[in-house]
Amino acid sequence: MTNSDLTIIGLGYVGLPLAQQACRRGLTVVGFDTNAPVVEQLNSGHSHIDDIDDDAVKVMIDQGFTASTDASVLATTSAIVICVPTPLTEAGGPDLAAVMSATAMIRDHLEPGTVVVLESTTYPGTTEDIVRPLLEESGLVADVDFHLAYSPERIDPGNATYGVENTPKVVGGISPASTEAAAALYGRFIDHVVQTSGTREAEMAKLLENTYRHVNIALVNEMAIFCHDLGVDLWESIDAASTKPFGFQAFYPGPGVGGHCIPIDPNYLSYKVRTLGYPFRFVELAQEISARMPAYVVSRAMLTLNRDGKAMSSSSVLLLGVTYKKNISDERESPAQPLARRLIELGADVSYADPYVPSWKIDGKDVRRREDPIDGARQADLVILLQHHDDFDLDAIAAASRSVLDTRGSLRGPNIDRL
C-alpha cells in the first residue's frame, strides 16, 4: 500500500521545484532530504531557494506536501526521483557519492512496482552501470519487479518564462517498458515528455546541452580578450551578428562561468571520453579559457587603476553582484570568488554590493557589504560590475563612480571600460 504518488530525494534547486509542480497537478508528494534544518524549515512553511517563496511552500503543504528525513518513506511510494548533487572531486572527476548513497537507501526500502528515476547530472552509463546493480542488491530485478529510468533536470533558476511545467522533459529507461513507466509519471504533471531509446541517450542529452553552452561562452570569452587588444567593441559585434535571422545564437562574455551546471557538467563528459583513451579537447580548452577569466578581469582592473594613477595595493574596489547569475541569490561556483580572492591578495580594499547576498566571505573572512551601491561606488576607486541585477540603478552607479570596469556590456560612458 502506498502513501504517496511521488517521493523526491534532494530538496534543492532541482527537487523542490519538481515537487511544487507535482503538487500543483494533484500528486501526493513527499520530499526526502538528509539536511534536517532544511526539512524542518520546509515543514514550517519556509523556503530556502530563490524560485519558491514561503507562500508557495505553504500552498504545497496545503496540497499535501511533507518533507522528511526518515528513509522509510521510500517504502510507501509509487515513484522515487533522485535529485541529489553531482559535484566534482578534488581531482576534477565525477563525485557520485550522493547518488550512490541515495540509491543505497532506495535499495533498502524498495518495493515491487516502484518507478525509480535518476535526475542528477552524470555521465552516460551511470543509470545502468551504477544505479541498477545497487538497486538489484535488494533482490528485486529491474524491469521485472521495478522500473528504472533517467531524466535530466532542466531547471533554470530565475527564468520566469520556462519552468518545470512547460519545459519538455526528456526520459530514457533501461527498456521500453521502463521508459513508458517514467514517461507516464512525468506526463501527469509536465506538459510535454520526450522519450529517448535508452538511459545513455538521455544522460548524454543533458551533457550535450551544457557542453554546447560551455564551449560557446568560452569562445566569446576568448574573443573578448583579443578584441580588447584589437580595439574592437565585441558587444557591438555580437549585437550586429544577432540581426542574422538564421545560423547564429548570441552568447556573451563575462568574468567567468558559474552555477552548478556549466563549470561542472562538461567535466563529466570529458571524464567519460578519457576512459576511451583520448581527451575531449573542446571541453578541456573551454574549461581552461573560462577558468582564467577572473584573473583576466583583475589584470584589466589593474590597467584601469594604473590609467588613473593608482596602484591596486592602495585602492578600494567595489564588486557589484557576486552571484553566478542575475536576479538570484545562488553563489555556487561564482567567478566573483576567485576574482575577489586575487584582488585581496594584491592588497586591494574589497567591498561588495548585492541585494541578494546579505553576507559574503572569502576564505572564511567577511567581505564588507555596501548597503547602498551608489554610495559605495562614490567611495571606491574602481567599481567592477560582475552581475547586472535588475535592482541596480546602473546609470546612477556609473555617474557616482570614478571608474567602472563593466564585465557585462551594460554601460557606456567616459569612465566606463567594457570587457
Protein backbone atom coordinates (compact mmCIF):
# COMPACT_ATOMS: atom_id res chain seq x y z
CA MET A 1 0.00 0.00 0.00
CA THR A 2 1.39 3.37 -0.98
CA ASN A 3 1.05 6.62 0.96
CA SER A 4 2.37 8.91 -1.77
CA ASP A 5 2.42 9.16 -5.54
CA LEU A 6 5.96 10.51 -5.62
CA THR A 7 8.94 10.79 -3.29
CA ILE A 8 11.74 13.13 -4.30
CA ILE A 9 15.21 12.66 -2.81
CA GLY A 10 17.01 16.00 -2.58
CA LEU A 11 15.08 19.23 -1.97
CA GLY A 12 17.36 21.80 -3.54
CA TYR A 13 17.15 23.87 -6.71
CA VAL A 14 16.01 20.80 -8.70
CA GLY A 15 13.98 18.70 -6.30
CA LEU A 16 11.83 21.38 -4.69
CA PRO A 17 10.51 22.93 -7.95
CA LEU A 18 9.78 19.41 -9.20
CA ALA A 19 7.82 18.72 -6.02
CA GLN A 20 5.96 22.00 -6.36
CA GLN A 21 4.81 21.23 -9.90
CA ALA A 22 3.72 17.69 -8.99
CA CYS A 23 1.71 19.09 -6.08
CA ARG A 24 0.05 21.59 -8.41
CA ARG A 25 -1.20 18.76 -10.56
CA GLY A 26 -2.69 16.85 -7.65
CA LEU A 27 0.02 14.29 -6.87
CA THR A 28 0.69 13.44 -3.24
CA VAL A 29 4.36 14.28 -2.81
CA VAL A 30 6.90 13.53 -0.09
CA GLY A 31 10.29 15.22 -0.11
CA PHE A 32 13.23 13.38 1.45
CA ASP A 33 16.45 15.13 2.44
CA THR A 34 19.23 14.32 4.89
CA ASN A 35 19.53 18.01 5.78
CA ALA A 36 17.35 18.17 8.89
CA PRO A 37 17.27 22.01 9.16
CA VAL A 38 16.03 22.26 5.55
CA VAL A 39 13.33 19.66 6.18
CA GLU A 40 12.22 21.45 9.35
CA GLN A 41 12.22 24.78 7.52
CA LEU A 42 10.04 23.43 4.71
CA ASN A 43 7.57 21.77 7.04
CA SER A 44 7.27 25.12 8.80
CA GLY A 45 6.35 26.80 5.53
CA HIS A 46 9.67 28.46 4.74
CA SER A 47 11.70 28.15 1.54
CA HIS A 48 15.46 28.05 1.13
CA ILE A 49 15.73 28.60 -2.65
CA ASP A 50 15.13 31.60 -4.93
CA ASP A 51 12.36 30.41 -7.22
CA ILE A 52 9.98 29.27 -4.48
CA ASP A 53 8.93 31.70 -1.77
CA ASP A 54 7.40 30.98 1.63
CA ASP A 55 3.85 31.44 0.36
CA ALA A 56 4.46 28.81 -2.34
CA VAL A 57 5.73 26.34 0.27
CA LYS A 58 2.61 26.93 2.37
CA VAL A 59 0.47 26.20 -0.69
CA MET A 60 2.42 22.96 -1.26
CA ILE A 61 1.75 21.92 2.35
CA ASP A 62 -1.94 22.63 1.87
CA GLN A 63 -1.77 20.38 -1.21
CA GLY A 64 -0.40 17.52 0.90
CA PHE A 65 3.36 18.00 0.63
CA THR A 66 5.54 16.89 3.52
CA ALA A 67 9.31 16.77 3.93
CA SER A 68 11.09 14.05 5.86
CA THR A 69 14.47 12.76 6.97
CA ASP A 70 13.03 9.27 7.51
CA ALA A 71 14.10 6.94 4.69
CA SER A 72 11.17 4.64 5.40
CA VAL A 73 9.02 6.96 3.26
CA LEU A 74 10.74 5.31 0.29
CA ALA A 75 8.87 2.08 1.02
CA THR A 76 5.44 3.68 0.78
CA THR A 77 5.52 5.48 -2.55
CA SER A 78 4.71 4.69 -6.17
CA ALA A 79 7.70 6.52 -7.64
CA ILE A 80 11.07 7.84 -6.49
CA VAL A 81 13.07 10.57 -8.23
CA ILE A 82 16.70 11.20 -7.27
CA CYS A 83 17.68 14.89 -7.38
CA VAL A 84 20.94 14.97 -5.42
CA PRO A 85 24.09 16.96 -6.26
CA THR A 86 26.81 15.56 -8.51
CA PRO A 87 29.85 17.76 -7.86
CA LEU A 88 33.48 17.17 -8.81
CA THR A 89 36.13 15.52 -6.67
CA GLU A 90 39.25 17.45 -5.71
CA ALA A 91 40.96 15.74 -8.64
CA GLY A 92 38.30 17.07 -11.01
CA GLY A 93 36.49 13.78 -11.64
CA PRO A 94 32.84 12.87 -11.06
CA ASP A 95 31.71 12.63 -7.45
CA LEU A 96 28.74 10.25 -7.39
CA ALA A 97 28.78 9.72 -3.63
CA ALA A 98 25.37 11.36 -3.14
CA VAL A 99 23.83 9.36 -6.00
CA MET A 100 25.18 6.11 -4.60
CA SER A 101 24.03 6.97 -1.09
CA ALA A 102 20.52 7.79 -2.31
CA THR A 103 20.42 4.60 -4.38
CA ALA A 104 21.52 2.51 -1.41
CA MET A 105 18.68 3.98 0.68
CA ILE A 106 16.20 3.14 -2.06
CA ARG A 107 17.61 -0.39 -2.26
CA ASP A 108 16.97 -0.89 1.44
CA HIS A 109 13.31 0.16 1.09
CA LEU A 110 12.48 -0.77 -2.50
CA GLU A 111 9.07 -2.30 -3.05
CA PRO A 112 7.81 -4.14 -6.18
CA GLY A 113 6.15 -1.91 -8.75
CA THR A 114 8.11 1.25 -7.88
CA VAL A 115 9.30 3.57 -10.63
CA VAL A 116 12.81 4.89 -9.92
CA VAL A 117 14.24 7.82 -11.90
CA LEU A 118 17.65 9.45 -11.64
CA GLU A 119 17.69 13.17 -12.47
CA SER A 120 21.15 14.11 -11.19
CA THR A 121 23.51 15.13 -13.99
CA THR A 122 26.06 12.44 -14.74
CA TYR A 123 27.98 10.68 -17.48
CA PRO A 124 26.39 8.16 -19.86
CA GLY A 125 26.15 4.71 -18.30
CA THR A 126 25.58 5.76 -14.69
CA THR A 127 21.95 4.62 -14.51
CA GLU A 128 22.60 1.17 -15.92
CA ASP A 129 26.11 0.53 -14.62
CA ILE A 130 25.91 2.01 -11.12
CA VAL A 131 22.30 2.63 -10.08
CA ARG A 132 20.80 -0.58 -11.48
CA PRO A 133 23.25 -3.04 -9.82
CA LEU A 134 22.86 -1.29 -6.46
CA LEU A 135 19.07 -1.46 -6.65
CA GLU A 136 19.13 -5.12 -7.66
CA GLU A 137 21.05 -5.93 -4.49
CA SER A 138 17.55 -5.71 -2.96
CA GLY A 139 16.72 -8.99 -4.65
CA LEU A 140 14.30 -7.25 -6.99
CA VAL A 141 15.02 -7.29 -10.72
CA ALA A 142 14.89 -4.16 -12.84
CA ASP A 143 12.16 -4.19 -15.48
CA VAL A 144 10.60 -7.23 -13.79
CA ASP A 145 9.93 -6.00 -10.27
CA PHE A 146 10.55 -2.26 -10.68
CA HIS A 147 11.14 0.28 -13.45
CA LEU A 148 14.30 2.37 -13.84
CA ALA A 149 14.94 5.44 -15.99
CA TYR A 150 16.98 8.59 -16.36
CA SER A 151 15.56 12.08 -16.90
CA PRO A 152 17.90 15.09 -16.96
CA GLU A 153 16.88 18.08 -14.89
CA ARG A 154 16.38 21.31 -16.83
CA ILE A 155 15.85 23.80 -14.02
CA ASP A 156 16.91 27.35 -14.89
CA PRO A 157 16.85 29.42 -11.67
CA GLY A 158 15.38 32.86 -12.17
CA ASN A 159 13.73 32.02 -15.50
CA ALA A 160 10.23 33.50 -15.38
CA THR A 161 9.24 32.04 -18.77
CA TYR A 162 10.24 28.38 -18.59
CA GLY A 163 9.74 26.27 -15.50
CA VAL A 164 9.12 22.62 -14.71
CA GLU A 165 5.64 22.59 -16.23
CA ASN A 166 6.41 23.91 -19.73
CA THR A 167 9.99 22.75 -20.26
CA PRO A 168 9.97 19.50 -22.26
CA LYS A 169 11.03 16.53 -20.13
CA VAL A 170 13.49 14.07 -21.64
CA VAL A 171 13.09 10.49 -20.37
CA GLY A 172 15.02 7.34 -21.19
CA GLY A 173 14.53 3.98 -19.47
CA ILE A 174 16.58 0.79 -19.35
CA SER A 175 13.92 -0.71 -21.62
CA PRO A 176 10.81 0.48 -23.50
CA ALA A 177 8.69 -0.60 -20.56
CA SER A 178 10.71 1.48 -18.10
CA THR A 179 10.68 4.44 -20.48
CA GLU A 180 6.91 4.24 -20.74
CA ALA A 181 6.51 3.98 -16.96
CA ALA A 182 8.69 7.01 -16.30
CA ALA A 183 7.09 8.98 -19.13
CA ALA A 184 3.66 8.22 -17.68
CA LEU A 185 4.81 9.53 -14.30
CA TYR A 186 6.10 12.83 -15.68
CA GLY A 187 3.15 13.12 -18.03
CA ARG A 188 0.91 13.55 -15.02
CA PHE A 189 2.42 16.95 -14.20
CA ILE A 190 4.62 18.13 -17.11
CA ASP A 191 3.19 19.36 -20.40
CA HIS A 192 5.49 17.57 -22.85
CA VAL A 193 7.58 14.42 -22.40
CA VAL A 194 10.27 13.42 -24.91
CA GLN A 195 11.28 9.75 -24.93
CA THR A 196 14.74 8.52 -25.89
CA SER A 197 15.70 4.97 -26.80
CA GLY A 198 17.68 4.43 -23.61
CA THR A 199 19.22 5.91 -20.49
CA ARG A 200 22.56 6.71 -22.14
CA GLU A 201 20.91 8.91 -24.75
CA ALA A 202 19.04 10.80 -22.03
CA GLU A 203 22.20 11.17 -19.94
CA MET A 204 24.12 12.44 -22.96
CA ALA A 205 21.38 14.94 -23.86
CA LYS A 206 21.98 16.86 -20.63
CA LEU A 207 25.73 16.92 -21.11
CA LEU A 208 25.33 18.00 -24.72
CA GLU A 209 23.10 20.92 -23.72
CA ASN A 210 25.56 22.24 -21.16
CA THR A 211 28.69 21.49 -23.19
CA TYR A 212 27.19 23.48 -26.07
CA ARG A 213 26.79 26.49 -23.78
CA HIS A 214 30.16 25.94 -22.13
CA VAL A 215 32.09 25.92 -25.41
CA ASN A 216 30.28 28.92 -26.86
CA ILE A 217 30.72 31.00 -23.71
CA ALA A 218 34.42 30.17 -23.76
CA LEU A 219 34.56 31.23 -27.42
CA VAL A 220 33.23 34.72 -26.72
CA ASN A 221 35.36 35.00 -23.56
CA GLU A 222 38.48 34.38 -25.61
CA MET A 223 37.23 36.80 -28.26
CA ALA A 224 36.74 39.43 -25.56
CA ILE A 225 40.42 39.22 -24.68
CA PHE A 226 41.78 39.73 -28.17
CA CYS A 227 39.03 42.13 -29.24
CA HIS A 228 40.16 44.46 -26.46
CA ASP A 229 43.71 44.29 -27.76
CA LEU A 230 42.48 44.89 -31.32
CA GLY A 231 40.34 47.85 -30.28
CA VAL A 232 37.11 46.09 -31.31
CA ASP A 233 33.86 46.51 -29.36
CA LEU A 234 32.84 42.85 -29.14
CA TRP A 235 29.47 43.74 -27.59
CA GLU A 236 28.56 45.77 -30.65
CA SER A 237 29.76 42.97 -32.91
CA ILE A 238 27.55 40.46 -31.07
CA ASP A 239 24.56 42.78 -31.43
CA ALA A 240 25.27 43.12 -35.15
CA ALA A 241 25.67 39.36 -35.64
CA SER A 242 22.41 38.79 -33.76
CA THR A 243 20.47 40.51 -36.54
CA LYS A 244 21.08 37.44 -38.72
CA PRO A 245 17.79 35.51 -38.57
CA PHE A 246 19.43 32.10 -39.00
CA GLY A 247 22.65 30.25 -38.17
CA PHE A 248 23.66 32.37 -35.16
CA GLN A 249 22.86 32.35 -31.46
CA ALA A 250 24.21 35.11 -29.24
CA PHE A 251 26.50 34.25 -26.33
CA TYR A 252 28.12 36.92 -24.19
CA PRO A 253 31.45 37.20 -22.39
CA GLY A 254 31.74 37.73 -18.67
CA PRO A 255 34.05 37.39 -15.66
CA GLY A 256 33.85 33.58 -15.78
CA VAL A 257 31.24 30.86 -15.61
CA GLY A 258 29.32 29.84 -12.51
CA GLY A 259 26.47 27.78 -11.17
CA HIS A 260 26.30 24.05 -10.76
CA CYS A 261 25.99 23.21 -14.46
CA ILE A 262 28.40 24.99 -16.80
CA PRO A 263 31.62 24.78 -14.74
CA ILE A 264 30.97 21.17 -13.70
CA ASP A 265 28.79 19.12 -16.05
CA PRO A 266 31.08 19.15 -19.12
CA ASN A 267 33.80 17.62 -16.93
CA TYR A 268 31.60 14.55 -16.54
CA LEU A 269 31.60 14.13 -20.30
CA SER A 270 35.33 14.80 -20.53
CA TYR A 271 35.91 12.14 -17.86
CA LYS A 272 33.86 9.58 -19.77
CA VAL A 273 35.63 10.35 -23.06
CA ARG A 274 39.03 9.90 -21.39
CA THR A 275 38.02 6.35 -20.41
CA LEU A 276 38.12 5.68 -24.16
CA GLY A 277 41.77 6.67 -24.25
CA TYR A 278 41.67 10.19 -25.67
CA PRO A 279 40.76 13.69 -24.45
CA PHE A 280 37.71 15.77 -25.22
CA ARG A 281 39.77 18.74 -26.35
CA PHE A 282 36.93 21.21 -26.91
CA VAL A 283 35.70 20.86 -23.32
CA GLU A 284 39.13 20.96 -21.76
CA LEU A 285 40.11 24.05 -23.75
CA ALA A 286 36.82 25.75 -22.87
CA GLN A 287 37.41 24.98 -19.21
CA GLU A 288 40.89 26.46 -19.41
CA ILE A 289 39.66 29.66 -21.06
CA SER A 290 36.77 30.21 -18.66
CA ALA A 291 38.91 29.42 -15.60
CA ARG A 292 41.34 32.19 -16.47
CA MET A 293 38.68 34.89 -16.93
CA PRO A 294 38.63 36.05 -13.27
CA ALA A 295 42.40 36.62 -13.46
CA TYR A 296 41.98 38.44 -16.75
CA VAL A 297 39.37 40.75 -15.21
CA VAL A 298 41.79 41.50 -12.37
CA SER A 299 44.51 42.37 -14.90
CA ARG A 300 42.09 44.70 -16.66
CA ALA A 301 41.22 46.26 -13.29
CA MET A 302 44.90 46.94 -12.68
CA LEU A 303 45.20 48.64 -16.08
CA THR A 304 42.17 50.81 -15.33
CA LEU A 305 43.61 51.87 -11.97
CA ASN A 306 47.04 52.49 -13.49
CA ARG A 307 45.44 54.80 -16.04
CA ASP A 308 44.03 56.75 -13.12
CA GLY A 309 47.45 56.87 -11.45
CA LYS A 310 46.58 54.35 -8.75
CA ALA A 311 48.10 51.09 -7.58
CA MET A 312 45.91 48.11 -6.78
CA SER A 313 47.58 47.75 -3.37
CA SER A 314 46.32 51.15 -2.27
CA SER A 315 42.93 51.15 -3.98
CA SER A 316 39.38 50.42 -2.87
CA VAL A 317 37.40 48.19 -5.21
CA LEU A 318 33.63 47.68 -5.13
CA LEU A 319 32.26 44.48 -6.68
CA LEU A 320 28.71 44.80 -7.98
CA GLY A 321 26.85 41.48 -7.91
CA VAL A 322 28.60 38.37 -6.57
CA THR A 323 26.10 35.65 -7.55
CA TYR A 324 26.69 33.47 -10.60
CA LYS A 325 23.53 34.70 -12.32
CA LYS A 326 21.43 37.87 -12.27
CA ASN A 327 18.42 38.29 -10.00
CA ILE A 328 19.07 35.23 -7.84
CA SER A 329 20.98 34.56 -4.61
CA ASP A 330 22.79 31.44 -5.79
CA GLU A 331 26.56 31.82 -5.37
CA ARG A 332 27.58 28.32 -6.47
CA GLU A 333 30.87 28.42 -8.42
CA SER A 334 30.52 32.18 -8.88
CA PRO A 335 33.59 33.71 -10.58
CA ALA A 336 33.32 36.55 -8.05
CA GLN A 337 35.01 34.27 -5.51
CA PRO A 338 38.38 33.70 -7.27
CA LEU A 339 38.30 37.26 -8.58
CA ALA A 340 37.86 38.77 -5.12
CA ARG A 341 40.48 36.43 -3.70
CA ARG A 342 43.04 37.69 -6.22
CA LEU A 343 42.17 41.34 -5.57
CA ILE A 344 42.66 40.81 -1.84
CA GLU A 345 45.97 39.05 -2.44
CA LEU A 346 47.11 42.14 -4.39
CA GLY A 347 46.29 44.35 -1.44
CA ALA A 348 43.04 45.94 -2.62
CA ASP A 349 40.40 47.04 -0.11
CA VAL A 350 37.49 44.97 -1.45
CA SER A 351 33.81 45.54 -0.71
CA TYR A 352 30.67 44.33 -2.46
CA ALA A 353 27.08 45.28 -3.13
CA ASP A 354 24.44 42.67 -3.88
CA PRO A 355 20.77 42.84 -2.91
CA TYR A 356 20.55 39.03 -2.88
CA VAL A 357 23.60 38.32 -0.70
CA PRO A 358 23.37 39.74 2.85
CA SER A 359 26.82 38.46 3.84
CA TRP A 360 29.79 37.16 1.88
CA LYS A 361 33.05 35.52 2.83
CA ILE A 362 36.32 34.90 1.03
CA ASP A 363 38.41 32.13 2.59
CA GLY A 364 36.38 32.40 5.77
CA LYS A 365 36.79 36.15 6.17
CA ASP A 366 33.89 38.58 5.87
CA VAL A 367 33.89 40.99 2.95
CA ARG A 368 32.37 44.38 3.75
CA ARG A 369 28.92 44.85 2.29
CA ARG A 370 27.79 48.19 0.93
CA GLU A 371 24.09 48.56 1.60
CA ASP A 372 23.83 51.46 -0.84
CA PRO A 373 25.65 50.63 -4.09
CA ILE A 374 25.56 54.25 -5.24
CA ASP A 375 27.23 55.45 -2.04
CA GLY A 376 29.65 52.53 -2.24
CA ALA A 377 30.54 53.46 -5.82
CA ARG A 378 31.15 57.06 -4.76
CA GLN A 379 33.70 55.90 -2.18
CA ALA A 380 35.51 53.36 -4.37
CA ASP A 381 38.48 53.94 -6.63
CA LEU A 382 37.10 51.32 -9.00
CA VAL A 383 33.74 49.60 -9.45
CA ILE A 384 33.69 46.21 -11.16
CA LEU A 385 30.28 45.18 -12.48
CA LEU A 386 30.17 41.38 -12.23
CA GLN A 387 26.41 40.74 -12.18
CA HIS A 388 23.83 43.14 -13.57
CA HIS A 389 20.92 42.58 -11.18
CA ASP A 390 17.78 44.45 -12.18
CA ASP A 391 17.73 46.04 -8.72
CA PHE A 392 20.87 48.03 -9.57
CA ASP A 393 20.40 51.55 -10.93
CA LEU A 394 23.42 51.15 -13.17
CA ASP A 395 23.29 54.63 -14.67
CA ALA A 396 23.24 56.22 -11.22
CA ILE A 397 26.03 53.94 -10.04
CA ALA A 398 28.13 54.80 -13.10
CA ALA A 399 27.52 58.52 -12.56
CA ALA A 400 28.72 58.23 -8.95
CA SER A 401 31.83 56.22 -9.87
CA ARG A 402 35.34 57.37 -10.66
CA SER A 403 35.91 54.36 -12.92
CA VAL A 404 33.88 51.29 -13.81
CA LEU A 405 35.06 48.02 -15.33
CA ASP A 406 31.93 46.55 -16.89
CA THR A 407 32.15 42.79 -17.49
CA ARG A 408 28.54 42.57 -18.73
CA GLY A 409 28.44 45.15 -21.52
CA SER A 410 25.68 47.08 -19.78
CA LEU A 411 27.18 50.58 -19.63
CA ARG A 412 28.73 53.23 -21.83
CA GLY A 413 30.48 56.46 -20.85
CA PRO A 414 33.84 58.19 -20.49
CA ASN A 415 34.53 56.49 -17.13
CA ILE A 416 33.47 53.02 -18.35
CA ASP A 417 35.82 50.26 -19.51
CA ARG A 418 33.94 47.32 -21.03
CA LEU A 419 35.33 43.81 -21.04
